[in-house]
C-alpha atoms as a PDB file:
ATOM      1  CA  MET A   1      -3.604 -11.279   8.969  1.00  0.00           C
ATOM      2  CA  SER A   2       0.119 -10.723   8.452  1.00  0.00           C
ATOM      3  CA  ALA A   3       1.573  -8.323   5.917  1.00  0.00           C
ATOM      4  CA  ARG A   4       2.796  -9.599   2.577  1.00  0.00           C
ATOM      5  CA  PRO A   5       5.752  -8.480   0.451  1.00  0.00           C
ATOM      6  CA  PHE A   6       5.337  -6.450  -2.703  1.00  0.00           C
ATOM      7  CA  THR A   7       5.942  -8.322  -5.927  1.00  0.00           C
ATOM      8  CA  GLU A   8       8.678  -6.785  -8.081  1.00  0.00           C
ATOM      9  CA  SER A   9       6.077  -5.528 -10.563  1.00  0.00           C
ATOM     10  CA  GLU A  10       4.080  -3.921  -7.732  1.00  0.00           C
ATOM     11  CA  TYR A  11       7.232  -2.320  -6.347  1.00  0.00           C
ATOM     12  CA  SER A  12       8.143  -0.880  -9.760  1.00  0.00           C
ATOM     13  CA  LEU A  13       4.605   0.380 -10.319  1.00  0.00           C
ATOM     14  CA  LEU A  14       4.389   1.959  -6.864  1.00  0.00           C
ATOM     15  CA  THR A  15       7.755   3.731  -6.935  1.00  0.00           C
ATOM     16  CA  ALA A  16       7.242   4.949 -10.505  1.00  0.00           C
ATOM     17  CA  SER A  17       3.813   6.335  -9.613  1.00  0.00           C
ATOM     18  CA  LEU A  18       5.158   8.212  -6.584  1.00  0.00           C
ATOM     19  CA  ALA A  19       8.049   9.609  -8.644  1.00  0.00           C
ATOM     20  CA  ASP A  20       5.684  10.746 -11.425  1.00  0.00           C
ATOM     21  CA  GLN A  21       3.623  12.623  -8.829  1.00  0.00           C
ATOM     22  CA  GLY A  22       6.732  14.295  -7.450  1.00  0.00           C
ATOM     23  CA  ARG A  23       6.297  12.519  -4.122  1.00  0.00           C
ATOM     24  CA  LEU A  24       9.993  11.806  -3.723  1.00  0.00           C
ATOM     25  CA  ARG A  25       9.840  11.638   0.077  1.00  0.00           C
ATOM     26  CA  ASP A  26       7.169   8.934  -0.044  1.00  0.00           C
ATOM     27  CA  LYS A  27       9.026   7.084  -2.780  1.00  0.00           C
ATOM     28  CA  LEU A  28      12.196   7.070  -0.674  1.00  0.00           C
ATOM     29  CA  ILE A  29      10.356   5.605   2.314  1.00  0.00           C
ATOM     30  CA  VAL A  30       9.228   2.689   0.141  1.00  0.00           C
ATOM     31  CA  VAL A  31      12.646   2.311  -1.511  1.00  0.00           C
ATOM     32  CA  LEU A  32      14.559   2.288   1.783  1.00  0.00           C
ATOM     33  CA  SER A  33      12.117  -0.132   3.417  1.00  0.00           C
ATOM     34  CA  CYS A  34      12.431  -2.613   0.548  1.00  0.00           C
ATOM     35  CA  ALA A  35      16.185  -2.167   0.007  1.00  0.00           C
ATOM     36  CA  THR A  36      17.394  -2.303   3.621  1.00  0.00           C
ATOM     37  CA  GLY A  37      14.873  -4.409   5.513  1.00  0.00           C
ATOM     38  CA  PHE A  38      14.685  -1.766   8.228  1.00  0.00           C
ATOM     39  CA  ARG A  39      11.418  -1.651  10.156  1.00  0.00           C
ATOM     40  CA  ILE A  40       9.304   1.412   9.413  1.00  0.00           C
ATOM     41  CA  LYS A  41      10.121   2.902  12.822  1.00  0.00           C
ATOM     42  CA  GLU A  42      13.822   2.544  11.988  1.00  0.00           C
ATOM     43  CA  VAL A  43      13.416   4.124   8.543  1.00  0.00           C
ATOM     44  CA  LEU A  44      11.497   7.060   9.998  1.00  0.00           C
ATOM     45  CA  SER A  45      14.152   7.562  12.706  1.00  0.00           C
ATOM     46  CA  LEU A  46      16.808   8.453  10.115  1.00  0.00           C
ATOM     47  CA  THR A  47      18.295  11.925  10.099  1.00  0.00           C
ATOM     48  CA  ILE A  48      19.685  13.761   7.083  1.00  0.00           C
ATOM     49  CA  GLY A  49      23.184  13.351   8.498  1.00  0.00           C
ATOM     50  CA  GLN A  50      22.825   9.565   8.502  1.00  0.00           C
ATOM     51  CA  VAL A  51      22.302   9.427   4.741  1.00  0.00           C
ATOM     52  CA  CYS A  52      24.421  12.391   3.647  1.00  0.00           C
ATOM     53  CA  ASP A  53      27.937  13.429   4.625  1.00  0.00           C
ATOM     54  CA  PRO A  54      27.517  17.046   5.825  1.00  0.00           C
ATOM     55  CA  ALA A  55      31.096  17.926   4.849  1.00  0.00           C
ATOM     56  CA  THR A  56      30.790  16.876   1.210  1.00  0.00           C
ATOM     57  CA  ALA A  57      27.004  16.689   0.705  1.00  0.00           C
ATOM     58  CA  GLU A  58      27.636  13.241  -0.782  1.00  0.00           C
ATOM     59  CA  VAL A  59      25.162  10.438  -0.141  1.00  0.00           C
ATOM     60  CA  VAL A  60      26.666   7.729   2.063  1.00  0.00           C
ATOM     61  CA  ARG A  61      27.305   4.188   0.864  1.00  0.00           C
ATOM     62  CA  GLU A  62      25.886   2.494   3.952  1.00  0.00           C
ATOM     63  CA  VAL A  63      23.420   3.323   6.699  1.00  0.00           C
ATOM     64  CA  THR A  64      23.553   2.230  10.307  1.00  0.00           C
ATOM     65  CA  ILE A  65      20.562   2.257  12.640  1.00  0.00           C
ATOM     66  CA  ALA A  66      21.641   2.849  16.230  1.00  0.00           C
ATOM     67  CA  ARG A  67      20.573   0.318  18.855  1.00  0.00           C
ATOM     68  CA  ARG A  68      18.348   2.872  20.619  1.00  0.00           C
ATOM     69  CA  ASN A  69      16.205   3.235  17.463  1.00  0.00           C
ATOM     70  CA  MET A  70      15.789  -0.488  16.853  1.00  0.00           C
ATOM     71  CA  LYS A  71      13.055  -2.807  18.098  1.00  0.00           C
ATOM     72  CA  GLY A  72      13.854  -3.636  21.727  1.00  0.00           C
ATOM     73  CA  GLY A  73      16.724  -1.165  21.771  1.00  0.00           C
ATOM     74  CA  ARG A  74      15.418   0.782  24.750  1.00  0.00           C
ATOM     75  CA  GLY A  75      13.743  -1.893  26.855  1.00  0.00           C
ATOM     76  CA  VAL A  76      14.728  -4.712  29.171  1.00  0.00           C
ATOM     77  CA  TRP A  77      16.520  -6.585  26.386  1.00  0.00           C
ATOM     78  CA  GLN A  78      18.442  -3.609  25.023  1.00  0.00           C
ATOM     79  CA  ARG A  79      21.833  -5.173  25.789  1.00  0.00           C
ATOM     80  CA  SER A  80      21.037  -8.057  23.455  1.00  0.00           C
ATOM     81  CA  VAL A  81      20.077  -5.704  20.604  1.00  0.00           C
ATOM     82  CA  ARG A  82      22.802  -4.496  18.247  1.00  0.00           C
ATOM     83  CA  GLY A  83      22.809  -1.665  15.771  1.00  0.00           C
ATOM     84  CA  ARG A  84      22.378  -2.754  12.178  1.00  0.00           C
ATOM     85  CA  ARG A  85      24.403  -1.651   9.141  1.00  0.00           C
ATOM     86  CA  VAL A  86      23.182  -2.053   5.572  1.00  0.00           C
ATOM     87  CA  PRO A  87      25.035  -1.021   2.371  1.00  0.00           C
ATOM     88  CA  LEU A  88      23.110   1.102  -0.120  1.00  0.00           C
ATOM     89  CA  GLY A  89      22.928   0.243  -3.809  1.00  0.00           C
ATOM     90  CA  GLU A  90      23.317   2.963  -6.418  1.00  0.00           C
ATOM     91  CA  SER A  91      19.583   3.110  -7.236  1.00  0.00           C
ATOM     92  CA  VAL A  92      18.836   3.685  -3.546  1.00  0.00           C
ATOM     93  CA  ARG A  93      21.531   6.367  -3.291  1.00  0.00           C
ATOM     94  CA  GLN A  94      20.049   8.088  -6.345  1.00  0.00           C
ATOM     95  CA  ALA A  95      16.593   8.080  -4.735  1.00  0.00           C
ATOM     96  CA  ILE A  96      18.165   9.750  -1.690  1.00  0.00           C
ATOM     97  CA  ARG A  97      19.896  12.348  -3.898  1.00  0.00           C
ATOM     98  CA  ASP A  98      16.644  13.116  -5.714  1.00  0.00           C
ATOM     99  CA  TYR A  99      14.797  13.677  -2.450  1.00  0.00           C
ATOM    100  CA  LEU A 100      17.535  15.709  -0.773  1.00  0.00           C
ATOM    101  CA  ALA A 101      17.599  18.013  -3.795  1.00  0.00           C
ATOM    102  CA  THR A 102      14.057  19.097  -2.903  1.00  0.00           C
ATOM    103  CA  LEU A 103      14.906  20.096   0.684  1.00  0.00           C
ATOM    104  CA  GLY A 104      17.124  23.134   0.263  1.00  0.00           C
ATOM    105  CA  PRO A 105      19.784  23.727   2.977  1.00  0.00           C
ATOM    106  CA  LEU A 106      20.538  20.419   4.674  1.00  0.00           C
ATOM    107  CA  ASP A 107      20.581  20.227   8.458  1.00  0.00           C
ATOM    108  CA  PRO A 108      22.375  16.981   9.424  1.00  0.00           C
ATOM    109  CA  VAL A 109      20.438  16.600  12.684  1.00  0.00           C
ATOM    110  CA  ALA A 110      17.028  17.167  11.101  1.00  0.00           C
ATOM    111  CA  ALA A 111      14.648  14.267  10.539  1.00  0.00           C
ATOM    112  CA  LEU A 112      14.951  12.887   7.020  1.00  0.00           C
ATOM    113  CA  PHE A 113      11.220  12.252   6.798  1.00  0.00           C
ATOM    114  CA  SER A 114       9.681  15.233   8.545  1.00  0.00           C
ATOM    115  CA  THR A 115       6.215  16.554   7.743  1.00  0.00           C
ATOM    116  CA  CYS A 116       4.794  20.075   7.594  1.00  0.00           C
ATOM    117  CA  ARG A 117       2.433  19.405  10.495  1.00  0.00           C
ATOM    118  CA  SER A 118       5.032  17.760  12.712  1.00  0.00           C
ATOM    119  CA  GLY A 119       7.162  20.874  12.990  1.00  0.00           C
ATOM    120  CA  GLY A 120      10.271  19.131  11.747  1.00  0.00           C
ATOM    121  CA  LYS A 121       9.699  15.899  13.649  1.00  0.00           C
ATOM    122  CA  PRO A 122       9.671  12.523  11.833  1.00  0.00           C
ATOM    123  CA  MET A 123       6.557  11.252  10.109  1.00  0.00           C
ATOM    124  CA  SER A 124       4.584   8.925  12.387  1.00  0.00           C
ATOM    125  CA  ARG A 125       4.144   5.228  11.711  1.00  0.00           C
ATOM    126  CA  SER A 126       0.386   5.702  11.202  1.00  0.00           C
ATOM    127  CA  GLN A 127       1.036   8.450   8.637  1.00  0.00           C
ATOM    128  CA  ALA A 128       3.424   6.157   6.786  1.00  0.00           C
ATOM    129  CA  PHE A 129       0.850   3.359   6.834  1.00  0.00           C
ATOM    130  CA  ARG A 130      -1.857   5.582   5.362  1.00  0.00           C
ATOM    131  CA  MET A 131       0.531   6.872   2.698  1.00  0.00           C
ATOM    132  CA  ILE A 132       1.651   3.404   1.579  1.00  0.00           C
ATOM    133  CA  VAL A 133      -1.852   1.927   1.463  1.00  0.00           C
ATOM    134  CA  ALA A 134      -3.326   4.937  -0.364  1.00  0.00           C
ATOM    135  CA  ALA A 135      -0.482   4.963  -2.909  1.00  0.00           C
ATOM    136  CA  ALA A 136      -0.895   1.229  -3.507  1.00  0.00           C
ATOM    137  CA  GLU A 137      -4.654   1.646  -4.005  1.00  0.00           C
ATOM    138  CA  GLU A 138      -4.008   4.394  -6.568  1.00  0.00           C
ATOM    139  CA  CYS A 139      -1.869   1.895  -8.507  1.00  0.00           C
ATOM    140  CA  GLY A 140      -4.562  -0.777  -8.420  1.00  0.00           C
ATOM    141  CA  ILE A 141      -2.557  -2.982  -6.039  1.00  0.00           C
ATOM    142  CA  ASP A 142      -4.544  -5.284  -3.763  1.00  0.00           C
ATOM    143  CA  THR A 143      -4.016  -3.724  -0.325  1.00  0.00           C
ATOM    144  CA  THR A 144      -5.660  -6.487   1.739  1.00  0.00           C
ATOM    145  CA  ARG A 145      -2.316  -7.430   3.341  1.00  0.00           C
ATOM    146  CA  ILE A 146      -0.237  -4.348   2.544  1.00  0.00           C
ATOM    147  CA  SER A 147       1.199  -2.489   5.542  1.00  0.00           C
ATOM    148  CA  THR A 148       4.337  -0.688   6.674  1.00  0.00           C
ATOM    149  CA  HIS A 149       5.884  -4.139   7.236  1.00  0.00           C
ATOM    150  CA  SER A 150       5.526  -5.024   3.542  1.00  0.00           C
ATOM    151  CA  GLY A 151       8.835  -3.307   2.787  1.00  0.00           C
ATOM    152  CA  ARG A 152      10.748  -5.437   5.298  1.00  0.00           C
ATOM    153  CA  LYS A 153       9.068  -8.564   3.946  1.00  0.00           C
ATOM    154  CA  THR A 154       9.980  -7.530   0.406  1.00  0.00           C
ATOM    155  CA  PHE A 155      13.621  -7.261   1.488  1.00  0.00           C
ATOM    156  CA  ALA A 156      13.448 -10.733   3.069  1.00  0.00           C
ATOM    157  CA  ALA A 157      11.987 -12.230  -0.119  1.00  0.00           C
ATOM    158  CA  ARG A 158      14.658 -10.548  -2.271  1.00  0.00           C
ATOM    159  CA  VAL A 159      17.512 -11.737  -0.064  1.00  0.00           C
ATOM    160  CA  TYR A 160      16.147 -15.276   0.128  1.00  0.00           C
ATOM    161  CA  SER A 161      15.885 -15.455  -3.660  1.00  0.00           C
ATOM    162  CA  ALA A 162      19.275 -13.786  -4.306  1.00  0.00           C
ATOM    163  CA  THR A 163      21.077 -16.175  -1.935  1.00  0.00           C
ATOM    164  CA  GLY A 164      19.658 -19.274  -3.591  1.00  0.00           C
ATOM    165  CA  LYS A 165      17.111 -19.678  -0.774  1.00  0.00           C
ATOM    166  CA  ASP A 166      19.736 -19.646   1.960  1.00  0.00           C
ATOM    167  CA  LEU A 167      17.724 -19.281   5.164  1.00  0.00           C
ATOM    168  CA  ILE A 168      20.747 -18.648   7.405  1.00  0.00           C
ATOM    169  CA  ALA A 169      22.117 -15.875   5.179  1.00  0.00           C
ATOM    170  CA  THR A 170      18.647 -14.336   5.063  1.00  0.00           C
ATOM    171  CA  GLN A 171      18.373 -14.566   8.849  1.00  0.00           C
ATOM    172  CA  ARG A 172      21.652 -12.716   9.319  1.00  0.00           C
ATOM    173  CA  LEU A 173      20.786  -9.962   6.874  1.00  0.00           C
ATOM    174  CA  MET A 174      17.381  -9.520   8.524  1.00  0.00           C
ATOM    175  CA  GLY A 175      19.010  -9.245  11.944  1.00  0.00           C
ATOM    176  CA  HIS A 176      16.897 -12.061  13.383  1.00  0.00           C
ATOM    177  CA  SER A 177      18.113 -14.112  16.342  1.00  0.00           C
ATOM    178  CA  SER A 178      16.518 -17.288  14.982  1.00  0.00           C
ATOM    179  CA  PRO A 179      15.910 -18.748  11.495  1.00  0.00           C
ATOM    180  CA  MET A 180      12.439 -19.692  12.722  1.00  0.00           C
ATOM    181  CA  THR A 181      11.589 -16.006  12.883  1.00  0.00           C
ATOM    182  CA  THR A 182      12.955 -15.492   9.375  1.00  0.00           C
ATOM    183  CA  SER A 183      10.917 -18.400   8.016  1.00  0.00           C
ATOM    184  CA  ARG A 184       7.719 -16.600   9.033  1.00  0.00           C
ATOM    185  CA  TYR A 185       8.696 -13.731   6.738  1.00  0.00           C
ATOM    186  CA  LEU A 186       8.821 -15.947   3.659  1.00  0.00           C
ATOM    187  CA  GLU A 187       5.602 -16.443   1.746  1.00  0.00           C
ATOM    188  CA  THR A 188       4.576 -19.959   0.785  1.00  0.00           C
ATOM    189  CA  ASN A 189       2.370 -20.658  -2.173  1.00  0.00           C
ATOM    190  CA  ALA A 190       0.115 -23.722  -2.143  1.00  0.00           C
ATOM    191  CA  ALA A 191       0.408 -24.223  -5.902  1.00  0.00           C
ATOM    192  CA  HIS A 192       4.205 -24.090  -5.690  1.00  0.00           C
ATOM    193  CA  LEU A 193       4.236 -26.624  -2.849  1.00  0.00           C
ATOM    194  CA  ASP A 194       2.010 -28.934  -4.888  1.00  0.00           C
ATOM    195  CA  ARG A 195       4.455 -28.734  -7.797  1.00  0.00           C
ATOM    196  CA  VAL A 196       7.343 -29.620  -5.457  1.00  0.00           C
ATOM    197  CA  VAL A 197       5.549 -32.740  -4.226  1.00  0.00           C
ATOM    198  CA  LEU A 198       4.523 -33.777  -7.736  1.00  0.00           C
ATOM    199  CA  ALA A 199       8.110 -33.342  -8.951  1.00  0.00           C
ATOM    200  CA  LEU A 200       9.339 -35.659  -6.178  1.00  0.00           C
ATOM    201  CA  CYS A 201       6.895 -38.333  -7.274  1.00  0.00           C
ATOM    202  CA  ALA A 202       7.557 -38.009 -10.993  1.00  0.00           C
END
């Protein structure tokens, strides 16, 4: 069963709960996933220097994932894969500031989302999955279809809605090669489809 996006109320509840618990690293993982559409592997590949200018200690206004860290960026099709740049809104930049303030001296080459057990290496995808599902359960969110891909699907749903349901614009912002791929990211609701048909026949 495929992952589903978070609703806006679930997103607000989840990020507020993580912030209240002082889990600013975990909150930032969720925020970045939902605000950039990066895959979880791409989010976890980020270094401190990619989100913060080491010369000024100022949080950057856009983040670029290098081709080598993207899906397919190291395999047979790597020449067809491009890096992806996404601008960061002020609320996202503030979440980054809040988290960086807990780290002490900032090493630009260090993993942004390292763990104590990893010895400075990035959190693994399975660790991120367990964190997201457990945090959602604590908030009373139905986790049947929640996974690390829920953030990317949340981004797709937000873009689709904000662009007036423009599939091509959503495709481009998702970095998909085909709108057919993008369409699979968009949830359909049977009740909504029924209302559409009934409105046509009214």
